[in-house]
Structures are given as structure tokens and as C-alpha cells.
N, C-alpha and C. Protein backbone atom coordinates (compact mmCIF):
# COMPACT_ATOMS: atom_id res chain seq x y z
N MET A 1 16.30 193.02 -118.05
CA MET A 1 14.87 192.77 -117.99
C MET A 1 14.37 192.45 -119.40
N ASP A 2 13.47 191.50 -119.49
CA ASP A 2 12.90 191.08 -120.76
C ASP A 2 11.63 191.90 -121.02
N ASN A 3 11.06 191.78 -122.20
CA ASN A 3 9.84 192.50 -122.52
C ASN A 3 8.60 191.76 -122.03
N ASN A 4 8.75 190.93 -121.03
CA ASN A 4 7.64 190.16 -120.48
C ASN A 4 6.89 191.02 -119.48
N ALA A 5 5.56 191.06 -119.60
CA ALA A 5 4.74 191.89 -118.72
C ALA A 5 4.81 191.46 -117.26
N SER A 6 5.23 190.23 -117.00
CA SER A 6 5.31 189.75 -115.62
C SER A 6 6.54 190.27 -114.90
N GLY A 7 7.46 190.87 -115.64
CA GLY A 7 8.68 191.35 -115.03
C GLY A 7 9.74 190.29 -114.87
N LEU A 8 9.54 189.11 -115.44
CA LEU A 8 10.54 188.05 -115.36
C LEU A 8 11.78 188.47 -116.15
N THR A 9 12.92 188.14 -115.62
CA THR A 9 14.17 188.45 -116.32
C THR A 9 14.41 187.43 -117.43
N ALA A 10 15.34 187.74 -118.30
CA ALA A 10 15.70 186.82 -119.38
C ALA A 10 16.20 185.50 -118.81
N GLU A 11 16.94 185.58 -117.71
CA GLU A 11 17.45 184.35 -117.07
C GLU A 11 16.31 183.51 -116.52
N GLN A 12 15.34 184.16 -115.91
CA GLN A 12 14.19 183.42 -115.39
C GLN A 12 13.38 182.79 -116.53
N LEU A 13 13.18 183.53 -117.60
CA LEU A 13 12.47 182.98 -118.75
C LEU A 13 13.21 181.78 -119.32
N ASP A 14 14.54 181.87 -119.38
CA ASP A 14 15.35 180.73 -119.85
C ASP A 14 15.16 179.52 -118.94
N GLU A 15 15.13 179.77 -117.62
CA GLU A 15 14.92 178.68 -116.66
C GLU A 15 13.58 178.00 -116.92
N PHE A 16 12.52 178.78 -117.10
CA PHE A 16 11.20 178.21 -117.32
C PHE A 16 11.10 177.55 -118.69
N ARG A 17 11.77 178.12 -119.67
CA ARG A 17 11.79 177.50 -121.00
C ARG A 17 12.45 176.12 -120.92
N ASP A 18 13.55 176.03 -120.17
CA ASP A 18 14.23 174.74 -119.99
C ASP A 18 13.34 173.72 -119.27
N LEU A 19 12.62 174.18 -118.23
CA LEU A 19 11.71 173.29 -117.50
C LEU A 19 10.59 172.80 -118.42
N LEU A 20 10.05 173.71 -119.24
CA LEU A 20 8.99 173.33 -120.17
C LEU A 20 9.50 172.34 -121.22
N LEU A 21 10.70 172.59 -121.75
CA LEU A 21 11.27 171.68 -122.75
C LEU A 21 11.51 170.29 -122.17
N ALA A 22 12.03 170.24 -120.95
CA ALA A 22 12.29 168.95 -120.31
C ALA A 22 10.99 168.18 -120.11
N LYS A 23 9.95 168.85 -119.63
CA LYS A 23 8.66 168.19 -119.41
C LYS A 23 8.05 167.77 -120.75
N ARG A 24 8.18 168.62 -121.75
CA ARG A 24 7.64 168.30 -123.08
C ARG A 24 8.31 167.05 -123.65
N ASN A 25 9.64 166.98 -123.54
CA ASN A 25 10.37 165.80 -124.03
C ASN A 25 9.97 164.54 -123.28
N GLN A 26 9.79 164.66 -121.97
CA GLN A 26 9.35 163.51 -121.17
C GLN A 26 7.98 163.04 -121.63
N LEU A 27 7.06 163.97 -121.83
CA LEU A 27 5.70 163.61 -122.26
C LEU A 27 5.69 163.00 -123.65
N LEU A 28 6.49 163.55 -124.55
CA LEU A 28 6.56 162.98 -125.90
C LEU A 28 7.05 161.53 -125.84
N GLY A 29 8.04 161.28 -125.00
CA GLY A 29 8.52 159.91 -124.81
C GLY A 29 7.44 159.01 -124.26
N ASN A 30 6.67 159.53 -123.30
CA ASN A 30 5.57 158.75 -122.73
C ASN A 30 4.52 158.42 -123.78
N VAL A 31 4.14 159.40 -124.60
CA VAL A 31 3.12 159.20 -125.62
C VAL A 31 3.58 158.15 -126.62
N VAL A 32 4.83 158.25 -127.06
CA VAL A 32 5.37 157.27 -128.02
C VAL A 32 5.35 155.87 -127.41
N SER A 33 5.76 155.76 -126.16
CA SER A 33 5.78 154.47 -125.47
C SER A 33 4.37 153.89 -125.35
N ILE A 34 3.41 154.73 -124.97
CA ILE A 34 2.03 154.27 -124.83
C ILE A 34 1.49 153.84 -126.19
N GLN A 35 1.78 154.61 -127.23
CA GLN A 35 1.32 154.25 -128.57
C GLN A 35 1.90 152.90 -129.01
N ASN A 36 3.19 152.70 -128.75
CA ASN A 36 3.83 151.43 -129.13
C ASN A 36 3.22 150.26 -128.36
N ASP A 37 3.01 150.43 -127.06
CA ASP A 37 2.39 149.37 -126.26
C ASP A 37 0.98 149.07 -126.73
N THR A 38 0.25 150.11 -127.05
CA THR A 38 -1.13 149.96 -127.52
C THR A 38 -1.16 149.21 -128.84
N LEU A 39 -0.26 149.57 -129.73
CA LEU A 39 -0.19 148.91 -131.04
C LEU A 39 0.14 147.42 -130.87
N LYS A 40 1.08 147.11 -129.99
CA LYS A 40 1.42 145.71 -129.75
C LYS A 40 0.22 144.95 -129.20
N ARG A 41 -0.51 145.58 -128.28
CA ARG A 41 -1.68 144.94 -127.68
C ARG A 41 -2.77 144.70 -128.72
N GLU A 42 -3.00 145.70 -129.57
CA GLU A 42 -4.03 145.56 -130.61
C GLU A 42 -3.67 144.43 -131.58
N GLN A 43 -2.40 144.30 -131.90
CA GLN A 43 -1.98 143.24 -132.81
C GLN A 43 -2.16 141.87 -132.17
N SER A 44 -1.97 141.77 -130.86
CA SER A 44 -2.12 140.48 -130.19
C SER A 44 -3.59 140.12 -129.99
N ASP A 45 -4.51 141.09 -130.09
CA ASP A 45 -5.94 140.82 -129.93
C ASP A 45 -6.46 139.85 -130.97
N PHE A 46 -5.82 139.75 -132.12
CA PHE A 46 -6.28 138.87 -133.18
C PHE A 46 -6.09 137.40 -132.82
N SER A 47 -5.32 137.10 -131.80
CA SER A 47 -5.02 135.71 -131.46
C SER A 47 -6.01 135.11 -130.46
N TYR A 48 -7.04 135.88 -130.02
CA TYR A 48 -7.99 135.36 -129.04
C TYR A 48 -8.92 134.34 -129.66
N SER A 49 -9.23 133.32 -128.87
CA SER A 49 -10.29 132.38 -129.26
C SER A 49 -11.52 132.72 -128.41
N SER A 50 -12.62 132.08 -128.66
CA SER A 50 -13.85 132.41 -127.95
C SER A 50 -13.76 132.11 -126.46
N GLY A 51 -12.83 131.26 -126.02
CA GLY A 51 -12.68 130.93 -124.61
C GLY A 51 -11.89 131.95 -123.83
N ASP A 52 -11.35 132.94 -124.47
CA ASP A 52 -10.50 133.92 -123.80
C ASP A 52 -11.21 135.24 -123.54
N LEU A 53 -12.51 135.20 -123.28
CA LEU A 53 -13.27 136.43 -123.09
C LEU A 53 -12.79 137.23 -121.89
N VAL A 54 -12.39 136.55 -120.82
CA VAL A 54 -11.88 137.25 -119.63
C VAL A 54 -10.59 137.98 -119.97
N ASP A 55 -9.69 137.29 -120.66
CA ASP A 55 -8.44 137.93 -121.06
C ASP A 55 -8.70 139.11 -121.99
N MET A 56 -9.62 138.92 -122.91
CA MET A 56 -9.94 139.98 -123.86
C MET A 56 -10.54 141.18 -123.13
N GLY A 57 -11.39 140.93 -122.16
CA GLY A 57 -11.98 142.02 -121.36
C GLY A 57 -10.91 142.76 -120.58
N SER A 58 -9.99 142.03 -120.00
CA SER A 58 -8.89 142.64 -119.25
C SER A 58 -8.02 143.50 -120.17
N ASP A 59 -7.71 142.97 -121.34
CA ASP A 59 -6.90 143.72 -122.29
C ASP A 59 -7.62 144.97 -122.78
N ASN A 60 -8.94 144.86 -122.98
CA ASN A 60 -9.71 146.03 -123.40
C ASN A 60 -9.70 147.11 -122.33
N TYR A 61 -9.78 146.69 -121.06
CA TYR A 61 -9.71 147.62 -119.95
C TYR A 61 -8.36 148.33 -119.94
N GLU A 62 -7.28 147.57 -120.11
CA GLU A 62 -5.94 148.15 -120.15
C GLU A 62 -5.79 149.10 -121.33
N LEU A 63 -6.38 148.74 -122.46
CA LEU A 63 -6.32 149.59 -123.64
C LEU A 63 -7.03 150.91 -123.38
N GLU A 64 -8.21 150.86 -122.77
CA GLU A 64 -8.94 152.09 -122.46
C GLU A 64 -8.14 152.96 -121.51
N ASN A 65 -7.51 152.36 -120.51
CA ASN A 65 -6.67 153.12 -119.59
C ASN A 65 -5.50 153.76 -120.32
N SER A 66 -4.87 153.03 -121.22
CA SER A 66 -3.74 153.56 -121.98
C SER A 66 -4.17 154.73 -122.85
N LEU A 67 -5.32 154.59 -123.49
CA LEU A 67 -5.81 155.67 -124.35
C LEU A 67 -6.16 156.91 -123.52
N SER A 68 -6.72 156.70 -122.34
CA SER A 68 -7.05 157.81 -121.46
C SER A 68 -5.77 158.52 -121.00
N LEU A 69 -4.76 157.75 -120.63
CA LEU A 69 -3.49 158.32 -120.22
C LEU A 69 -2.84 159.10 -121.37
N MET A 70 -2.89 158.54 -122.56
CA MET A 70 -2.31 159.20 -123.72
C MET A 70 -3.04 160.52 -123.99
N ASP A 71 -4.35 160.53 -123.85
CA ASP A 71 -5.12 161.76 -124.04
C ASP A 71 -4.72 162.80 -123.01
N SER A 72 -4.53 162.37 -121.77
CA SER A 72 -4.11 163.28 -120.70
C SER A 72 -2.73 163.87 -121.00
N GLU A 73 -1.82 163.02 -121.47
CA GLU A 73 -0.47 163.48 -121.80
C GLU A 73 -0.52 164.49 -122.96
N ARG A 74 -1.37 164.23 -123.93
CA ARG A 74 -1.49 165.15 -125.07
C ARG A 74 -2.09 166.49 -124.64
N ARG A 75 -3.04 166.46 -123.72
CA ARG A 75 -3.59 167.73 -123.21
C ARG A 75 -2.52 168.54 -122.51
N LEU A 76 -1.67 167.87 -121.73
CA LEU A 76 -0.59 168.57 -121.05
C LEU A 76 0.42 169.11 -122.06
N LEU A 77 0.66 168.37 -123.13
CA LEU A 77 1.54 168.88 -124.19
C LEU A 77 0.97 170.17 -124.79
N ARG A 78 -0.34 170.22 -124.98
CA ARG A 78 -0.98 171.44 -125.50
C ARG A 78 -0.80 172.59 -124.51
N GLU A 79 -0.92 172.29 -123.21
CA GLU A 79 -0.72 173.33 -122.19
C GLU A 79 0.71 173.88 -122.27
N ILE A 80 1.66 172.99 -122.46
CA ILE A 80 3.06 173.41 -122.56
C ILE A 80 3.27 174.24 -123.82
N ASP A 81 2.70 173.82 -124.94
CA ASP A 81 2.81 174.60 -126.18
C ASP A 81 2.17 175.98 -126.00
N ASP A 82 1.05 176.03 -125.29
CA ASP A 82 0.41 177.32 -125.00
C ASP A 82 1.33 178.21 -124.16
N ALA A 83 2.05 177.61 -123.21
CA ALA A 83 2.98 178.38 -122.38
C ALA A 83 4.10 178.97 -123.25
N PHE A 84 4.59 178.19 -124.21
CA PHE A 84 5.61 178.72 -125.13
C PHE A 84 5.04 179.89 -125.93
N GLU A 85 3.79 179.79 -126.35
CA GLU A 85 3.16 180.89 -127.09
C GLU A 85 3.04 182.13 -126.21
N ARG A 86 2.69 181.95 -124.93
CA ARG A 86 2.62 183.09 -124.02
C ARG A 86 3.99 183.71 -123.84
N MET A 87 5.05 182.89 -123.83
CA MET A 87 6.41 183.44 -123.75
C MET A 87 6.70 184.32 -124.95
N GLU A 88 6.37 183.81 -126.13
CA GLU A 88 6.62 184.56 -127.36
C GLU A 88 5.84 185.87 -127.38
N ALA A 89 4.64 185.86 -126.81
CA ALA A 89 3.79 187.05 -126.80
C ALA A 89 4.13 188.00 -125.65
N GLY A 90 5.08 187.60 -124.77
CA GLY A 90 5.43 188.43 -123.63
C GLY A 90 4.41 188.37 -122.52
N GLU A 91 3.57 187.32 -122.50
CA GLU A 91 2.50 187.19 -121.51
C GLU A 91 2.73 186.06 -120.53
N TYR A 92 3.88 185.42 -120.60
CA TYR A 92 4.16 184.29 -119.71
C TYR A 92 4.28 184.81 -118.28
N GLY A 93 3.68 184.06 -117.35
CA GLY A 93 3.76 184.43 -115.94
C GLY A 93 2.65 185.38 -115.50
N ILE A 94 1.71 185.64 -116.40
CA ILE A 94 0.57 186.49 -116.09
C ILE A 94 -0.67 185.61 -116.04
N CYS A 95 -1.45 185.73 -114.96
CA CYS A 95 -2.67 184.95 -114.80
C CYS A 95 -3.67 185.35 -115.88
N MET A 96 -4.13 184.37 -116.62
CA MET A 96 -5.09 184.64 -117.69
C MET A 96 -6.48 184.97 -117.14
N GLY A 97 -6.71 184.74 -115.87
CA GLY A 97 -7.99 185.03 -115.26
C GLY A 97 -8.07 186.39 -114.62
N THR A 98 -6.97 186.85 -114.04
CA THR A 98 -6.99 188.11 -113.30
C THR A 98 -6.04 189.15 -113.86
N GLY A 99 -5.08 188.73 -114.66
CA GLY A 99 -4.08 189.67 -115.16
C GLY A 99 -2.98 189.93 -114.16
N GLN A 100 -3.03 189.27 -113.02
CA GLN A 100 -2.01 189.44 -111.98
C GLN A 100 -0.81 188.54 -112.28
N ILE A 101 0.31 188.85 -111.67
CA ILE A 101 1.53 188.07 -111.85
C ILE A 101 1.40 186.73 -111.12
N ILE A 102 1.80 185.65 -111.80
CA ILE A 102 1.83 184.32 -111.19
C ILE A 102 3.17 184.22 -110.45
N GLY A 103 3.13 183.75 -109.23
CA GLY A 103 4.33 183.67 -108.41
C GLY A 103 5.38 182.71 -108.98
N ILE A 104 6.63 183.06 -108.80
CA ILE A 104 7.74 182.23 -109.29
C ILE A 104 7.70 180.82 -108.70
N PRO A 105 7.39 180.66 -107.40
CA PRO A 105 7.32 179.28 -106.88
C PRO A 105 6.29 178.43 -107.64
N ARG A 106 5.16 179.02 -108.00
CA ARG A 106 4.15 178.27 -108.76
C ARG A 106 4.68 177.93 -110.15
N LEU A 107 5.34 178.88 -110.79
CA LEU A 107 5.89 178.62 -112.12
C LEU A 107 6.99 177.56 -112.08
N ARG A 108 7.74 177.53 -111.00
CA ARG A 108 8.77 176.49 -110.89
C ARG A 108 8.13 175.12 -110.69
N ALA A 109 7.03 175.08 -109.97
CA ALA A 109 6.33 173.80 -109.73
C ALA A 109 5.53 173.38 -110.97
N ILE A 110 4.89 174.34 -111.61
CA ILE A 110 4.04 174.07 -112.79
C ILE A 110 4.37 175.14 -113.83
N PRO A 111 5.44 174.95 -114.59
CA PRO A 111 5.86 176.01 -115.51
C PRO A 111 4.86 176.33 -116.61
N TRP A 112 3.88 175.48 -116.84
CA TRP A 112 2.85 175.74 -117.85
C TRP A 112 1.61 176.41 -117.23
N ALA A 113 1.69 176.77 -115.94
CA ALA A 113 0.55 177.37 -115.26
C ALA A 113 0.07 178.63 -115.99
N LYS A 114 -1.24 178.71 -116.18
CA LYS A 114 -1.80 179.90 -116.81
C LYS A 114 -2.65 180.71 -115.84
N TYR A 115 -2.83 180.17 -114.63
CA TYR A 115 -3.61 180.86 -113.60
C TYR A 115 -2.79 180.98 -112.32
N SER A 116 -3.03 182.04 -111.59
CA SER A 116 -2.45 182.18 -110.26
C SER A 116 -3.10 181.15 -109.34
N VAL A 117 -2.48 180.91 -108.22
CA VAL A 117 -3.04 179.97 -107.24
C VAL A 117 -4.44 180.43 -106.83
N GLU A 118 -4.57 181.72 -106.61
CA GLU A 118 -5.85 182.26 -106.16
C GLU A 118 -6.96 182.04 -107.19
N PHE A 119 -6.68 182.34 -108.47
CA PHE A 119 -7.71 182.18 -109.49
C PHE A 119 -8.01 180.70 -109.72
N ALA A 120 -6.98 179.85 -109.71
CA ALA A 120 -7.20 178.41 -109.88
C ALA A 120 -8.09 177.89 -108.75
N SER A 121 -7.89 178.40 -107.55
CA SER A 121 -8.72 177.99 -106.42
C SER A 121 -10.17 178.43 -106.64
N LEU A 122 -10.37 179.65 -107.14
CA LEU A 122 -11.72 180.12 -107.43
C LEU A 122 -12.39 179.27 -108.49
N LEU A 123 -11.63 178.86 -109.51
CA LEU A 123 -12.17 177.98 -110.55
C LEU A 123 -12.62 176.66 -109.95
N GLU A 124 -11.77 176.08 -109.10
CA GLU A 124 -12.09 174.79 -108.48
C GLU A 124 -13.32 174.88 -107.59
N GLN A 125 -13.51 176.02 -106.95
CA GLN A 125 -14.64 176.21 -106.05
C GLN A 125 -15.90 176.65 -106.79
N GLY A 126 -15.79 176.86 -108.10
CA GLY A 126 -16.94 177.30 -108.88
C GLY A 126 -17.26 178.77 -108.70
N GLN A 127 -16.33 179.54 -108.14
CA GLN A 127 -16.55 180.96 -107.91
C GLN A 127 -16.05 181.82 -109.07
N ALA A 128 -15.38 181.18 -110.03
CA ALA A 128 -14.91 181.87 -111.23
C ALA A 128 -15.18 180.93 -112.39
N TYR A 129 -15.15 181.47 -113.59
CA TYR A 129 -15.44 180.64 -114.75
C TYR A 129 -14.55 181.04 -115.92
N VAL A 130 -14.48 180.12 -116.87
CA VAL A 130 -13.79 180.35 -118.13
C VAL A 130 -14.76 179.92 -119.21
N ASP A 131 -15.07 180.82 -120.13
CA ASP A 131 -15.93 180.45 -121.25
C ASP A 131 -15.39 181.08 -122.53
N GLU A 132 -16.13 180.93 -123.62
CA GLU A 132 -15.63 181.40 -124.91
C GLU A 132 -15.46 182.93 -124.94
N ASP A 133 -16.14 183.64 -124.03
CA ASP A 133 -16.02 185.09 -123.98
C ASP A 133 -14.89 185.56 -123.07
N GLY A 134 -14.30 184.65 -122.33
CA GLY A 134 -13.20 185.04 -121.46
C GLY A 134 -13.36 184.46 -120.07
N TYR A 135 -12.92 185.23 -119.09
CA TYR A 135 -12.87 184.81 -117.70
C TYR A 135 -13.75 185.73 -116.89
N GLY A 136 -14.29 185.20 -115.81
CA GLY A 136 -15.10 186.05 -114.97
C GLY A 136 -15.30 185.44 -113.61
N PHE A 137 -16.03 186.15 -112.78
CA PHE A 137 -16.32 185.71 -111.42
C PHE A 137 -17.82 185.57 -111.26
N ASP A 138 -18.23 184.73 -110.30
CA ASP A 138 -19.66 184.60 -110.01
C ASP A 138 -20.23 185.97 -109.68
N GLN A 139 -21.48 186.17 -110.02
CA GLN A 139 -22.14 187.45 -109.77
C GLN A 139 -22.23 187.76 -108.28
N ASP A 140 -22.21 186.72 -107.45
CA ASP A 140 -22.29 186.93 -106.01
C ASP A 140 -21.01 187.53 -105.45
N ASP A 141 -19.91 187.36 -106.16
CA ASP A 141 -18.63 187.89 -105.70
C ASP A 141 -18.56 189.38 -105.97
N ASP A 142 -17.78 190.07 -105.18
CA ASP A 142 -17.59 191.50 -105.38
C ASP A 142 -16.48 191.79 -106.38
N GLN A 143 -15.89 190.74 -106.96
CA GLN A 143 -14.78 190.93 -107.86
C GLN A 143 -15.29 191.20 -109.28
N PRO A 144 -14.61 192.10 -110.01
CA PRO A 144 -15.03 192.40 -111.38
C PRO A 144 -14.61 191.31 -112.34
N ASP A 145 -15.21 191.33 -113.54
CA ASP A 145 -14.78 190.43 -114.60
C ASP A 145 -13.34 190.70 -114.93
N ALA A 146 -12.60 189.62 -115.29
CA ALA A 146 -11.18 189.78 -115.65
C ALA A 146 -11.04 190.62 -116.91
N ASP A 147 -12.05 190.60 -117.79
CA ASP A 147 -11.97 191.38 -119.02
C ASP A 147 -11.92 192.86 -118.73
N ALA A 148 -12.53 193.28 -117.63
CA ALA A 148 -12.55 194.69 -117.28
C ALA A 148 -11.24 195.14 -116.66
N ALA A 149 -10.46 194.18 -116.19
CA ALA A 149 -9.19 194.52 -115.52
C ALA A 149 -8.15 194.97 -116.50
């Protein structure tokens, strides 16, 4: 048994570490590829004449999509880095909203998950919140704040 509060074994932590590393490497490759494509596109923008406004508009649209995708990939990289930090702190596999254990099937599907399925569902429904002071539940709910747990 490892010193992880979730009760995950060393073998399970190794499995999740490998999944996180594989996803991180894939994302890094994606970001580099998107950056290279974007750079090539920006360099070709200098060749437009005034008659190519449609082409330029199309390229600008593609550029915005590429930048949005790259931002999304970088956010996911931060989530993965945060998961590694939770591993180091012995908090990996614990829901940051409720303090409950995150199920192994969820961790296998989303190894960077920081919330249990139940808490993530409450967040999506607006019945729970995350702010600078921590996590909590709507006042209408009978559930206590996660900080009190």
C-alpha cells in the first residue's frame, strides 16, 4: 500500500502515472504540431494581395481555431501536471470537492480527474461551486461545504 489517502496501491499509482505520461506526451506533440502549422500559416499571410480577402478570411478563421485548440491542449496539460502534483502530495484519487475517493474506472478513463462523477455532475448542474475559497454546495442543498468535511 502506498501513502496515498485514496488507498491506491503502488501498482495502481504506477498505472495512472503511465497513463498521465502517455497523454501528456501526446498533447505536447499536438501543441508542437499546431504551433508549427500556425507559424507556417502566419508566414504565408504576407503573400496575400488585396484580391485575396476571402482566402485571408478563411485562413484567419483556421488560425483562430488552431489557437483555440492549442489553448485547450495547454489547459489539459496543466490538469495533468496538477494530477502529478496530487500524486506527489498523496492526494491523487481523492475528489477535491467532497474528499471522497474517485472510482478507479473514472481514473482509468480520465486519469487527471480531480472530481468524483457525483461532484462533477453537481458542478455541471450548478448545484456545487468552485471559487477562490474552495468548494461548496448550493445553500438549497442539504449537503455541507466540502471545507467542513
